[in-house]
Amino acid sequence: MHWIVRLLLNAVALLIVAAILPGIEVHGVLSAIVAALILGVVNTFVGSLLRIVSLPITVLTFGLFTFVINALCFWLAAALTPGFVVHGFLAALVGALLTSVIGGVLHRLAR
């Protein structure tokens, strides 16, 4: 039950980010829910693998390369989800950051 609430809150965060950021489009609530689910799966599997492989670069950049990995996962989730469009890497970078912040605030408020 807890993961369903997290999924819905992440979908709301995606909808908010799409409303704020012009480079990100989410076409409907169902697309946002599917995008949140795919984003979670991509972050779990692909993101974890990328973090392990890029550990030396991450250490050299004092952790800033993690933002690039998050943006790539966000962009990949958009490529895999119909109705979720990200226009460019910069939009993916800012979108991933805003989604994390807004999602974190929503999760904290939901407790």
Protein backbone atom coordinates (compact mmCIF):
# COMPACT_ATOMS: atom_id res chain seq x y z
CA MET A 1 0.00 0.00 0.00
CA HIS A 2 2.87 2.36 0.81
CA TRP A 3 4.34 2.05 -2.69
CA ILE A 4 1.01 3.02 -4.28
CA VAL A 5 0.96 6.26 -2.28
CA ARG A 6 4.58 6.94 -3.29
CA LEU A 7 3.72 6.25 -6.93
CA LEU A 8 0.76 8.64 -6.85
CA LEU A 9 2.77 11.36 -5.10
CA ASN A 10 5.54 11.01 -7.68
CA ALA A 11 2.93 11.29 -10.44
CA VAL A 12 1.63 14.51 -8.84
CA ALA A 13 5.22 15.79 -8.66
CA LEU A 14 5.64 15.07 -12.37
CA LEU A 15 2.43 16.92 -13.17
CA ILE A 16 3.59 19.93 -11.14
CA VAL A 17 6.99 19.93 -12.86
CA ALA A 18 5.32 19.70 -16.27
CA ALA A 19 3.17 22.70 -15.37
CA ILE A 20 6.20 24.73 -14.22
CA LEU A 21 8.88 23.74 -16.74
CA PRO A 22 8.27 24.45 -20.44
CA GLY A 23 10.62 21.68 -21.63
CA ILE A 24 8.59 18.87 -20.05
CA GLU A 25 5.16 17.66 -21.13
CA VAL A 26 2.88 15.15 -19.44
CA HIS A 27 -0.33 14.38 -21.30
CA GLY A 28 -2.82 13.43 -18.62
CA VAL A 29 -2.92 11.84 -15.21
CA LEU A 30 -2.60 8.28 -16.53
CA SER A 31 0.58 9.23 -18.40
CA ALA A 32 1.94 10.76 -15.20
CA ILE A 33 1.23 7.57 -13.23
CA VAL A 34 2.84 5.38 -15.90
CA ALA A 35 5.81 7.78 -16.12
CA ALA A 36 6.27 7.69 -12.33
CA LEU A 37 6.22 3.89 -12.41
CA ILE A 38 8.71 3.68 -15.29
CA LEU A 39 10.89 6.35 -13.68
CA GLY A 40 11.02 4.28 -10.50
CA VAL A 41 11.97 1.14 -12.41
CA VAL A 42 14.62 2.97 -14.47
CA ASN A 43 16.11 4.57 -11.35
CA THR A 44 16.17 1.24 -9.55
CA PHE A 45 17.88 -0.80 -12.23
CA VAL A 46 19.60 1.47 -14.79
CA GLY A 47 20.35 4.24 -12.31
CA SER A 48 21.94 1.86 -9.83
CA LEU A 49 24.10 0.32 -12.54
CA LEU A 50 25.18 3.74 -13.83
CA ARG A 51 26.04 4.89 -10.30
CA ILE A 52 28.28 1.88 -9.78
CA VAL A 53 30.00 2.18 -13.16
CA SER A 54 30.51 5.93 -12.85
CA LEU A 55 31.74 5.89 -9.26
CA PRO A 56 35.25 7.17 -10.13
CA ILE A 57 33.81 10.10 -12.09
CA THR A 58 31.35 10.81 -9.29
CA VAL A 59 34.18 10.90 -6.75
CA LEU A 60 36.27 13.20 -8.97
CA THR A 61 33.35 15.62 -9.38
CA PHE A 62 32.49 15.51 -5.66
CA GLY A 63 29.14 13.86 -6.39
CA LEU A 64 27.95 16.33 -9.03
CA PHE A 65 27.94 13.63 -11.72
CA THR A 66 24.97 12.13 -9.88
CA PHE A 67 22.87 14.96 -11.32
CA VAL A 68 23.86 13.83 -14.82
CA ILE A 69 22.88 10.24 -14.03
CA ASN A 70 19.51 11.39 -12.66
CA ALA A 71 18.92 13.47 -15.79
CA LEU A 72 19.77 10.51 -18.03
CA CYS A 73 17.35 8.29 -16.12
CA PHE A 74 14.65 10.97 -16.36
CA TRP A 75 15.27 11.28 -20.10
CA LEU A 76 15.20 7.50 -20.58
CA ALA A 77 11.92 7.24 -18.69
CA ALA A 78 10.47 9.89 -20.99
CA ALA A 79 11.65 7.95 -24.03
CA LEU A 80 9.95 4.80 -22.73
CA THR A 81 6.67 6.43 -21.69
CA PRO A 82 4.01 7.52 -24.17
CA GLY A 83 2.57 10.88 -23.16
CA PHE A 84 5.70 11.97 -21.26
CA VAL A 85 8.05 14.17 -23.31
CA VAL A 86 11.32 15.83 -22.30
CA HIS A 87 12.79 18.36 -24.74
CA GLY A 88 16.56 18.23 -24.31
CA PHE A 89 19.14 17.39 -21.70
CA LEU A 90 18.83 20.67 -19.79
CA ALA A 91 15.09 20.14 -19.36
CA ALA A 92 15.83 16.60 -18.14
CA LEU A 93 18.41 17.90 -15.67
CA VAL A 94 16.15 20.59 -14.22
CA GLY A 95 13.11 18.30 -14.39
CA ALA A 96 14.84 15.52 -12.47
CA LEU A 97 15.99 17.97 -9.83
CA LEU A 98 12.56 19.59 -9.45
CA THR A 99 10.79 16.22 -9.42
CA SER A 100 13.05 15.05 -6.61
CA VAL A 101 12.52 18.20 -4.55
CA ILE A 102 8.75 18.41 -5.09
CA GLY A 103 8.33 14.66 -4.56
CA GLY A 104 10.31 14.87 -1.33
CA VAL A 105 8.14 17.71 -0.06
CA LEU A 106 4.95 15.84 -1.00
CA HIS A 107 6.18 12.67 0.73
CA ARG A 108 7.01 14.62 3.86
CA LEU A 109 3.59 16.30 3.84
CA ALA A 110 1.85 12.94 3.34
CA ARG A 111 3.34 11.53 6.54
